[in-house]
């Protein structure tokens, strides 16, 4: 009886491991939508986490990251299979996925990158972050060869997990307002085998416009647009910068800038968003990219990020629904770029000046709301009992998500959590413990600045 019981237990364990190892971790459908396991399509919101607390006490770190409306975390600074396994276990009750980082990135020379041999059997390790910013300028031509080789090595062990790489915009190319082709042109004809985690606007340089506004919509349009041309069949994740001067940026994005970049990325068929990053000095607060460098506290920055992710996540079903261009509008797409879903229009002003656009094709009697269209993140009503069209002014480099409803339909209004933020242990550098509860204090809208910021540098963190 004892031997039989042991045999049954052994068989059950073997079945569990085998099921975990051979289960489909990620599926990418024909629309480039991500499916985790056998689940429905999702619009991933990914968080790069530099906090050493994630490595040392992942259960405690979950108290922080679960305040955000995210579903995936990249353990940027954590090494080793046991550490990654502990992180994945701590994430599991929250339904979070882990993309495990390859220690050393493309310089890795061992046989178990990102401990893939051990993590292949962990169901919620659904991806591997291969490397950050491989050199694409031609100065190090072996970078892409090494990245592809690392991708092949990981794929051989865990074939249904994502393999992601964040590309650098250091050779973005061109000047405002005609940036040129962007760096992805250098990949034409190359053997690119990994999934894409792309960059768009980075808040680490002076405004490229002539009136002091940060060109978040135009850079996102160019970056994602070229990425789509070169990589039409692989997922594209658009990075949004959440880091400040202590990590090399000039300032922190305002809420309107964050959402404008998100809506523009959605117009350009992004598969998800990735937030770079926490644990890079945000606990010290810093200036906003509002044209006045208005000072923001950590609680304001963190509360804003809580609200930003909640606003995007609340309309994920809309984002994932089929594209439907049911409207027409007066401005050319080169000025105001748009896309539609049933009952929605996403519109992005790609210029530095305010543009009045008129959208037609409405059912008379509709209500039009700019979702989170006020500077404080609240909804802005454009018109009620509208006719067959509506007009709205889009400020320079601002995007809006318009919901058009009739009858009793309402626009979702997510609420933000009031959970106190635990100690954020930034890496590198000493940890700072914020004591007040994070709030969603409104962040300023961008306004013209007579003097551009001094030029900063985007971080170049290689693994």
Protein backbone atom coordinates (compact mmCIF):
# COMPACT_ATOMS: atom_id res chain seq x y z
CA UNK A 1 0.00 0.00 0.00
CA UNK A 2 2.82 2.39 0.89
CA UNK A 3 4.65 1.65 -2.34
CA UNK A 4 1.43 2.09 -4.30
CA UNK A 5 0.77 5.44 -2.59
CA UNK A 6 4.28 6.60 -3.41
CA UNK A 7 3.82 5.49 -6.99
CA UNK A 8 0.56 7.45 -7.23
CA UNK A 9 2.18 10.56 -5.73
CA UNK A 10 5.17 10.23 -8.06
CA UNK A 11 2.88 9.80 -11.06
CA UNK A 12 0.87 12.88 -10.03
CA UNK A 13 4.01 14.97 -9.64
CA UNK A 14 5.33 13.78 -12.99
CA UNK A 15 2.02 14.65 -14.63
CA UNK A 16 2.05 18.11 -13.01
CA UNK A 17 5.59 18.83 -14.17
CA UNK A 18 5.00 17.44 -17.64
CA UNK A 19 1.78 19.42 -18.00
CA UNK A 20 3.55 22.58 -16.86
CA UNK A 21 6.53 22.08 -19.13
CA UNK A 22 4.60 21.26 -22.27
CA UNK A 23 1.64 23.60 -21.79
CA UNK A 24 1.40 26.50 -24.22
CA UNK A 25 2.61 29.52 -22.28
CA UNK A 26 1.92 32.25 -24.85
CA UNK A 27 0.03 32.36 -28.12
CA UNK A 28 0.20 35.28 -30.54
CA UNK A 29 -2.87 35.46 -32.75
CA UNK A 30 -3.13 36.89 -36.26
CA UNK A 31 -3.85 40.34 -34.84
CA UNK A 32 -0.60 40.18 -32.82
CA UNK A 33 -2.63 39.96 -29.63
CA UNK A 34 -1.07 38.11 -26.69
CA UNK A 35 -2.80 35.15 -25.05
CA UNK A 36 -1.36 33.83 -21.79
CA UNK A 37 -1.92 30.08 -21.61
CA UNK A 38 -5.30 29.11 -22.99
CA UNK A 39 -6.80 32.43 -21.93
CA UNK A 40 -8.37 35.20 -23.98
CA UNK A 41 -6.42 37.97 -25.68
CA UNK A 42 -4.87 40.47 -23.28
CA UNK A 43 -3.32 43.91 -23.67
CA UNK A 44 -0.24 43.48 -21.46
CA UNK A 45 0.98 46.35 -19.33
CA UNK A 46 4.53 45.38 -18.43
CA UNK A 47 6.65 46.85 -15.62
CA UNK A 48 10.45 46.89 -15.52
CA UNK A 49 11.35 46.51 -11.82
CA UNK A 50 14.85 47.55 -10.69
CA UNK A 51 14.04 47.25 -6.97
CA UNK A 52 16.32 44.84 -5.13
CA UNK A 53 13.31 44.14 -2.92
CA UNK A 54 11.86 42.12 -5.80
CA UNK A 55 14.86 39.79 -5.59
CA UNK A 56 15.18 39.64 -1.79
CA UNK A 57 11.57 39.80 -0.62
CA UNK A 58 9.23 39.34 -3.60
CA UNK A 59 6.13 38.87 -1.44
CA UNK A 60 6.71 42.31 0.06
CA UNK A 61 7.41 43.84 -3.37
CA UNK A 62 4.01 42.59 -4.52
CA UNK A 63 2.42 45.04 -2.05
CA UNK A 64 3.91 47.80 -4.18
CA UNK A 65 3.54 46.57 -7.75
CA UNK A 66 -0.01 45.27 -7.33
CA UNK A 67 -1.16 48.83 -6.74
CA UNK A 68 -0.64 49.24 -10.48
CA UNK A 69 -2.99 47.78 -13.09
CA UNK A 70 -0.33 45.59 -14.68
CA UNK A 71 -0.10 41.91 -15.54
CA UNK A 72 3.61 41.35 -16.22
CA UNK A 73 6.91 42.21 -14.48
CA UNK A 74 10.50 42.07 -15.77
CA UNK A 75 12.97 41.26 -12.97
CA UNK A 76 15.72 43.48 -14.35
CA UNK A 77 18.33 43.04 -11.60
CA UNK A 78 17.54 39.59 -10.20
CA UNK A 79 19.71 36.58 -11.07
CA UNK A 80 19.37 32.84 -10.52
CA UNK A 81 16.70 30.20 -10.98
CA UNK A 82 15.77 30.00 -7.28
CA UNK A 83 15.29 33.78 -7.09
CA UNK A 84 13.19 33.85 -10.27
CA UNK A 85 11.13 30.90 -9.06
CA UNK A 86 10.44 32.67 -5.76
CA UNK A 87 9.38 35.79 -7.65
CA UNK A 88 7.05 33.78 -9.90
CA UNK A 89 5.52 32.04 -6.88
CA UNK A 90 4.94 35.38 -5.13
CA UNK A 91 3.24 36.71 -8.29
CA UNK A 92 0.98 33.74 -8.80
CA UNK A 93 -1.84 34.73 -6.36
CA UNK A 94 -2.17 38.04 -8.20
CA UNK A 95 -2.28 36.51 -11.67
CA UNK A 96 0.98 38.23 -12.64
CA UNK A 97 3.43 36.96 -15.24
CA UNK A 98 7.23 37.11 -15.01
CA UNK A 99 9.58 37.80 -17.90
CA UNK A 100 12.90 36.61 -16.54
CA UNK A 101 16.02 38.58 -17.44
CA UNK A 102 19.06 36.88 -18.97
CA UNK A 103 21.91 37.82 -16.64
CA UNK A 104 24.61 39.40 -18.78
CA UNK A 105 22.34 39.67 -21.81
CA UNK A 106 24.15 39.03 -25.07
CA UNK A 107 27.45 38.65 -23.20
CA UNK A 108 26.10 35.47 -21.59
CA UNK A 109 28.17 32.45 -22.60
CA UNK A 110 26.72 29.61 -20.49
CA UNK A 111 24.23 26.91 -21.29
CA UNK A 112 21.30 28.03 -19.12
CA UNK A 113 20.42 31.67 -19.96
CA UNK A 114 17.86 33.19 -17.61
CA UNK A 115 17.84 29.77 -15.91
CA UNK A 116 15.50 28.71 -18.69
CA UNK A 117 16.08 25.01 -17.94
CA UNK A 118 14.58 25.46 -14.48
CA UNK A 119 11.95 28.07 -15.38
CA UNK A 120 10.52 26.31 -18.43
CA UNK A 121 8.29 24.35 -16.07
CA UNK A 122 6.99 27.42 -14.20
CA UNK A 123 3.70 28.29 -15.84
CA UNK A 124 3.66 32.05 -15.12
CA UNK A 125 7.21 32.60 -16.40
CA UNK A 126 5.83 33.52 -19.80
CA UNK A 127 8.79 35.36 -21.28
CA UNK A 128 12.53 36.01 -21.18
CA UNK A 129 14.09 39.45 -21.46
CA UNK A 130 17.12 38.73 -23.62
CA UNK A 131 18.96 42.04 -23.65
CA UNK A 132 18.52 45.78 -23.48
CA UNK A 133 19.59 48.01 -26.34
CA UNK A 134 21.77 45.87 -28.60
CA UNK A 135 23.92 48.10 -30.76
CA UNK A 136 22.16 48.66 -34.06
CA UNK A 137 24.29 51.54 -35.31
CA UNK A 138 26.76 49.27 -37.05
CA UNK A 139 29.50 49.91 -34.50
CA UNK A 140 29.03 46.46 -32.99
CA UNK A 141 27.64 44.27 -35.79
CA UNK A 142 28.01 41.16 -33.65
CA UNK A 143 25.29 42.41 -31.26
CA UNK A 144 22.43 41.23 -33.44
CA UNK A 145 24.15 37.94 -34.18
CA UNK A 146 24.56 37.36 -30.45
CA UNK A 147 20.95 38.38 -29.74
CA UNK A 148 19.61 35.97 -32.34
CA UNK A 149 21.83 33.18 -31.00
CA UNK A 150 20.58 33.82 -27.46
CA UNK A 151 17.00 33.81 -28.73
CA UNK A 152 17.55 30.42 -30.40
CA UNK A 153 19.09 29.00 -27.23
CA UNK A 154 16.11 30.07 -25.09
CA UNK A 155 13.54 28.98 -27.66
CA UNK A 156 14.99 25.47 -27.80
CA UNK A 157 14.17 24.94 -24.12
CA UNK A 158 10.98 27.00 -23.63
CA UNK A 159 9.55 27.38 -27.15
CA UNK A 160 6.16 28.88 -26.32
CA UNK A 161 7.41 31.69 -24.07
CA UNK A 162 8.05 35.17 -25.45
CA UNK A 163 11.62 36.28 -26.11
CA UNK A 164 11.86 40.06 -25.91
CA UNK A 165 14.50 42.69 -26.58
CA UNK A 166 14.34 46.43 -25.92
CA UNK A 167 15.85 48.42 -28.77
CA UNK A 168 17.67 51.69 -28.28
CA UNK A 169 16.57 54.92 -29.92
CA UNK A 170 20.07 56.39 -29.75
CA UNK A 171 20.28 56.49 -33.56
CA UNK A 172 16.68 57.59 -34.00
CA UNK A 173 17.77 59.82 -36.87
CA UNK A 174 16.54 63.02 -38.40
CA UNK A 175 15.39 66.27 -36.82
CA UNK A 176 12.04 67.72 -35.94
CA UNK A 177 9.62 67.51 -37.65
CA UNK A 178 11.01 65.07 -40.24
CA UNK A 179 12.80 62.36 -38.28
CA UNK A 180 13.62 60.11 -41.18
CA UNK A 181 13.32 56.35 -41.11
CA UNK A 182 14.38 55.59 -37.58
CA UNK A 183 16.83 52.92 -36.52
CA UNK A 184 14.71 49.92 -37.49
CA UNK A 185 15.59 50.53 -41.13
CA UNK A 186 18.95 48.97 -40.32
CA UNK A 187 17.20 45.65 -39.74
CA UNK A 188 15.88 45.38 -43.28
CA UNK A 189 16.98 42.02 -44.68
CA UNK A 190 18.33 40.86 -41.31
CA UNK A 191 17.34 37.62 -39.62
CA UNK A 192 15.31 38.86 -36.65
CA UNK A 193 13.94 35.99 -34.64
CA UNK A 194 12.97 37.49 -31.29
CA UNK A 195 9.74 39.13 -30.28
CA UNK A 196 9.92 42.92 -30.15
CA UNK A 197 9.84 45.18 -27.12
CA UNK A 198 10.33 48.56 -28.74
CA UNK A 199 11.02 52.06 -27.51
CA UNK A 200 9.22 55.18 -28.59
CA UNK A 201 9.46 58.57 -26.86
CA UNK A 202 12.09 58.95 -24.13
CA UNK A 203 11.94 61.91 -21.78
CA UNK A 204 15.70 62.39 -21.61
CA UNK A 205 16.36 65.21 -24.03
CA UNK A 206 15.18 68.78 -24.64
CA UNK A 207 11.92 69.19 -26.53
CA UNK A 208 12.57 68.78 -30.26
CA UNK A 209 9.77 71.17 -31.14
CA UNK A 210 10.28 74.90 -31.57
CA UNK A 211 7.77 75.89 -28.88
CA UNK A 212 8.99 73.86 -25.90
CA UNK A 213 6.50 70.97 -26.08
CA UNK A 214 7.67 67.37 -25.80
CA UNK A 215 6.79 65.53 -29.02
CA UNK A 216 5.42 62.37 -27.40
CA UNK A 217 2.86 61.66 -30.11
CA UNK A 218 5.07 62.27 -33.15
CA UNK A 219 8.00 60.21 -31.89
CA UNK A 220 5.67 57.35 -30.94
CA UNK A 221 4.07 57.53 -34.38
CA UNK A 222 7.44 57.39 -36.15
CA UNK A 223 8.99 54.73 -33.91
CA UNK A 224 6.04 52.34 -33.86
CA UNK A 225 5.26 53.01 -37.51
CA UNK A 226 8.71 52.01 -38.71
CA UNK A 227 8.78 49.02 -36.33
CA UNK A 228 5.53 47.81 -37.87
CA UNK A 229 6.97 48.12 -41.37
CA UNK A 230 10.06 46.10 -40.53
CA UNK A 231 8.44 43.60 -38.11
CA UNK A 232 4.86 43.28 -39.39
CA UNK A 233 4.22 39.82 -37.93
CA UNK A 234 5.66 39.98 -34.41
CA UNK A 235 4.27 41.65 -31.28
CA UNK A 236 5.30 45.24 -30.64
CA UNK A 237 5.38 46.59 -27.09
CA UNK A 238 5.77 50.33 -26.71
CA UNK A 239 7.97 51.53 -23.84
CA UNK A 240 6.80 54.55 -21.85
CA UNK A 241 9.41 56.31 -19.71
CA UNK A 242 8.76 56.52 -15.97
CA UNK A 243 12.11 57.67 -14.67
CA UNK A 244 13.68 60.98 -13.80
CA UNK A 245 16.93 62.92 -13.38
CA UNK A 246 18.55 60.45 -11.01
CA UNK A 247 18.32 57.86 -13.81
CA UNK A 248 19.36 60.15 -16.65
CA UNK A 249 16.05 61.69 -17.75
CA UNK A 250 15.23 65.39 -17.88
CA UNK A 251 11.80 65.15 -16.27
CA UNK A 252 8.79 62.92 -15.60
CA UNK A 253 5.90 62.68 -18.06
CA UNK A 254 2.63 64.32 -17.10
CA UNK A 255 -0.53 62.25 -17.08
CA UNK A 256 -1.65 63.82 -20.35
CA UNK A 257 1.70 62.92 -21.94
CA UNK A 258 1.57 59.33 -20.63
CA UNK A 259 -1.94 58.82 -22.00
CA UNK A 260 -1.16 60.63 -25.26
CA UNK A 261 1.72 58.23 -25.84
CA UNK A 262 -0.47 55.26 -24.94
CA UNK A 263 -3.31 56.29 -27.28
CA UNK A 264 -0.82 56.99 -30.11
CA UNK A 265 0.77 53.58 -29.60
CA UNK A 266 -2.68 51.98 -29.82
CA UNK A 267 -3.33 53.87 -33.07
CA UNK A 268 -0.08 52.35 -34.33
CA UNK A 269 -1.14 48.78 -33.48
CA UNK A 270 0.97 48.19 -30.37
CA UNK A 271 0.44 44.81 -28.67
CA UNK A 272 0.98 46.25 -25.19
CA UNK A 273 2.80 48.86 -23.13
CA UNK A 274 5.97 48.55 -21.04
CA UNK A 275 6.81 51.03 -18.27
CA UNK A 276 10.50 51.81 -17.75
CA UNK A 277 10.87 51.64 -14.75
CA UNK A 278 10.52 51.58 -10.98
CA UNK A 279 13.53 51.55 -8.68
CA UNK A 280 15.34 54.29 -10.61
CA UNK A 281 15.11 57.18 -8.19
CA UNK A 282 11.43 58.04 -8.36
CA UNK A 283 11.28 57.96 -4.55
CA UNK A 284 13.11 61.30 -4.62
CA UNK A 285 10.43 62.98 -6.73
CA UNK A 286 11.42 65.30 -9.54
CA UNK A 287 10.35 67.83 -12.16
CA UNK A 288 7.53 67.24 -14.65
CA UNK A 289 7.87 67.64 -18.42
CA UNK A 290 5.15 70.31 -18.32
CA UNK A 291 7.21 73.14 -19.76
CA UNK A 292 7.72 74.66 -16.32
CA UNK A 293 9.56 71.76 -14.64
CA UNK A 294 6.94 71.77 -11.90
CA UNK A 295 8.22 69.76 -8.94
CA UNK A 296 6.34 66.54 -8.15
CA UNK A 297 6.71 64.43 -5.02
CA UNK A 298 7.08 60.66 -5.08
CA UNK A 299 3.51 60.29 -3.85
CA UNK A 300 2.27 62.39 -6.76
CA UNK A 301 4.37 60.45 -9.28
CA UNK A 302 3.34 57.07 -7.88
CA UNK A 303 -0.30 58.06 -7.53
CA UNK A 304 -0.26 59.27 -11.12
CA UNK A 305 1.19 55.97 -12.36
CA UNK A 306 -1.48 54.05 -10.44
CA UNK A 307 -4.14 56.11 -12.16
CA UNK A 308 -2.50 55.97 -15.61
CA UNK A 309 -2.31 52.16 -15.65
CA UNK A 310 -5.87 51.88 -14.34
CA UNK A 311 -7.18 54.16 -17.07
CA UNK A 312 -5.56 52.09 -19.81
CA UNK A 313 -6.50 48.73 -18.29
CA UNK A 314 -10.15 49.79 -17.91
CA UNK A 315 -10.60 50.02 -21.69
CA UNK A 316 -8.44 47.03 -22.63
CA UNK A 317 -11.49 45.19 -24.06
CA UNK A 318 -12.04 48.15 -26.38
CA UNK A 319 -8.37 48.23 -27.38
CA UNK A 320 -8.46 44.52 -28.21
CA UNK A 321 -11.69 44.72 -30.20
CA UNK A 322 -11.55 44.82 -34.02
CA UNK A 323 -10.42 48.01 -35.70
CA UNK A 324 -13.40 49.76 -37.26
CA UNK A 325 -13.09 53.04 -39.14
CA UNK A 326 -16.75 54.03 -38.95
CA UNK A 327 -16.13 57.80 -39.05
CA UNK A 328 -14.44 60.39 -41.21
CA UNK A 329 -12.59 63.50 -40.12
CA UNK A 330 -11.50 66.79 -41.65
CA UNK A 331 -7.78 66.85 -40.89
CA UNK A 332 -5.35 64.66 -42.87
CA UNK A 333 -3.94 61.61 -41.09
CA UNK A 334 -0.46 63.14 -41.28
CA UNK A 335 -1.74 65.88 -38.96
CA UNK A 336 -4.24 64.03 -36.78
CA UNK A 337 -3.63 60.28 -36.91
CA UNK A 338 -6.63 58.14 -35.93
CA UNK A 339 -8.01 54.68 -35.55
CA UNK A 340 -11.41 53.43 -34.45
CA UNK A 341 -13.27 50.76 -32.59
CA UNK A 342 -17.02 50.34 -32.36
CA UNK A 343 -18.15 53.49 -30.55
CA UNK A 344 -14.60 54.84 -30.14
CA UNK A 345 -12.17 57.12 -31.96
CA UNK A 346 -8.51 57.39 -30.95
CA UNK A 347 -7.03 60.63 -32.33
CA UNK A 348 -3.46 61.94 -32.03
CA UNK A 349 -2.20 65.38 -32.95
CA UNK A 350 1.24 64.82 -34.49
CA UNK A 351 2.05 68.54 -34.67
CA UNK A 352 3.24 71.08 -32.13
CA UNK A 353 0.29 73.43 -32.66
CA UNK A 354 -3.32 73.06 -31.56
CA UNK A 355 -5.59 71.58 -34.22
CA UNK A 356 -9.38 71.80 -34.44
CA UNK A 357 -10.69 68.63 -36.07
CA UNK A 358 -14.24 67.62 -36.98
CA UNK A 359 -15.37 63.98 -36.84
CA UNK A 360 -18.42 62.86 -38.81
CA UNK A 361 -20.53 59.71 -39.04
CA UNK A 362 -22.26 59.85 -35.64
CA UNK A 363 -25.78 58.67 -35.00
CA UNK A 364 -27.71 61.86 -34.17
CA UNK A 365 -28.43 62.14 -30.46
CA UNK A 366 -25.12 60.61 -29.37
CA UNK A 367 -22.95 61.76 -26.49
CA UNK A 368 -19.21 62.23 -27.07
CA UNK A 369 -16.77 62.01 -24.17
CA UNK A 370 -13.01 62.47 -24.19
CA UNK A 371 -12.04 59.58 -21.92
CA UNK A 372 -9.69 60.90 -19.21
CA UNK A 373 -9.56 64.01 -21.38
CA UNK A 374 -9.09 66.55 -18.61
CA UNK A 375 -5.66 67.32 -17.19
CA UNK A 376 -6.64 65.67 -13.89
CA UNK A 377 -7.60 62.40 -15.60
CA UNK A 378 -11.35 62.91 -15.41
CA UNK A 379 -13.63 62.55 -18.41
CA UNK A 380 -14.43 65.60 -20.53
CA UNK A 381 -17.82 65.83 -22.21
CA UNK A 382 -17.59 67.15 -25.76
CA UNK A 383 -21.30 67.23 -26.54
CA UNK A 384 -24.58 65.64 -25.55
CA UNK A 385 -27.43 65.04 -27.98
CA UNK A 386 -24.86 65.65 -30.71
CA UNK A 387 -25.72 65.88 -34.36
CA UNK A 388 -23.99 63.75 -36.98
CA UNK A 389 -20.57 65.25 -36.17
CA UNK A 390 -18.51 66.83 -33.40
CA UNK A 391 -15.48 69.08 -33.26
CA UNK A 392 -12.71 69.25 -30.70
CA UNK A 393 -9.38 71.01 -30.31
CA UNK A 394 -6.36 68.77 -29.79
CA UNK A 395 -3.41 70.68 -28.26
CA UNK A 396 0.05 70.17 -29.69
CA UNK A 397 1.35 66.58 -29.28
CA UNK A 398 -1.80 65.49 -27.42
CA UNK A 399 -3.97 62.44 -28.15
CA UNK A 400 -7.50 61.73 -26.99
CA UNK A 401 -9.68 58.63 -26.79
CA UNK A 402 -13.24 59.62 -27.68
CA UNK A 403 -16.18 57.44 -26.71
CA UNK A 404 -19.36 57.94 -28.69
CA UNK A 405 -22.44 56.56 -26.94
CA UNK A 406 -26.16 56.61 -27.42
CA UNK A 407 -28.88 55.66 -24.98
CA UNK A 408 -27.72 54.75 -21.48
CA UNK A 409 -24.14 53.65 -22.23
CA UNK A 410 -21.49 55.13 -19.96
CA UNK A 411 -17.75 55.68 -20.17
CA UNK A 412 -15.73 53.61 -17.67
CA UNK A 413 -14.29 55.61 -14.80
CA UNK A 414 -11.74 53.52 -12.89
CA UNK A 415 -10.92 54.33 -9.29
CA UNK A 416 -7.42 54.28 -7.89
CA UNK A 417 -6.34 52.36 -4.83
CA UNK A 418 -5.46 54.09 -1.60
CA UNK A 419 -3.13 51.33 -0.43
CA UNK A 420 -0.08 52.88 1.26
CA UNK A 421 3.15 52.43 -0.67
CA UNK A 422 5.70 50.27 1.14
CA UNK A 423 9.39 50.98 1.06
CA UNK A 424 10.63 51.31 -2.50
CA UNK A 425 14.18 49.96 -2.46
CA UNK A 426 15.77 51.56 -5.49
CA UNK A 427 18.69 49.81 -7.12
CA UNK A 428 21.35 51.08 -7.36
CA UNK A 429 21.55 53.48 -4.46
CA UNK A 430 20.13 53.58 -0.94
CA UNK A 431 16.47 52.82 -0.36
CA UNK A 432 14.12 55.57 0.66
CA UNK A 433 10.92 54.88 2.54
CA UNK A 434 8.05 57.18 1.57
CA UNK A 435 5.66 57.52 4.46
CA UNK A 436 2.55 59.26 3.09
CA UNK A 437 -0.06 57.35 1.13
CA UNK A 438 0.30 57.77 -2.63
CA UNK A 439 -2.38 60.01 -4.04
CA UNK A 440 -3.57 60.70 -7.53
CA UNK A 441 -2.83 64.41 -7.31
CA UNK A 442 -3.30 65.81 -10.80
CA UNK A 443 -0.15 66.31 -12.82
CA UNK A 444 0.15 69.35 -15.01
CA UNK A 445 -0.66 69.42 -18.70
CA UNK A 446 2.22 70.39 -20.97
CA UNK A 447 2.59 74.04 -21.82
CA UNK A 448 5.13 75.94 -23.91
CA UNK A 449 8.46 76.61 -22.27
CA UNK A 450 10.65 79.51 -23.35
CA UNK A 451 13.84 77.62 -22.55
CA UNK A 452 14.36 73.92 -23.32
CA UNK A 453 15.72 71.70 -20.59
CA UNK A 454 19.45 70.98 -20.52
CA UNK A 455 20.09 67.79 -22.42
CA UNK A 456 20.07 64.61 -20.38
CA UNK A 457 21.11 61.07 -21.27
CA UNK A 458 18.97 58.00 -21.58
CA UNK A 459 20.31 55.18 -19.44
CA UNK A 460 22.16 52.38 -21.19
CA UNK A 461 21.72 49.40 -18.90
CA UNK A 462 23.15 46.25 -20.45
CA UNK A 463 22.56 42.88 -18.84
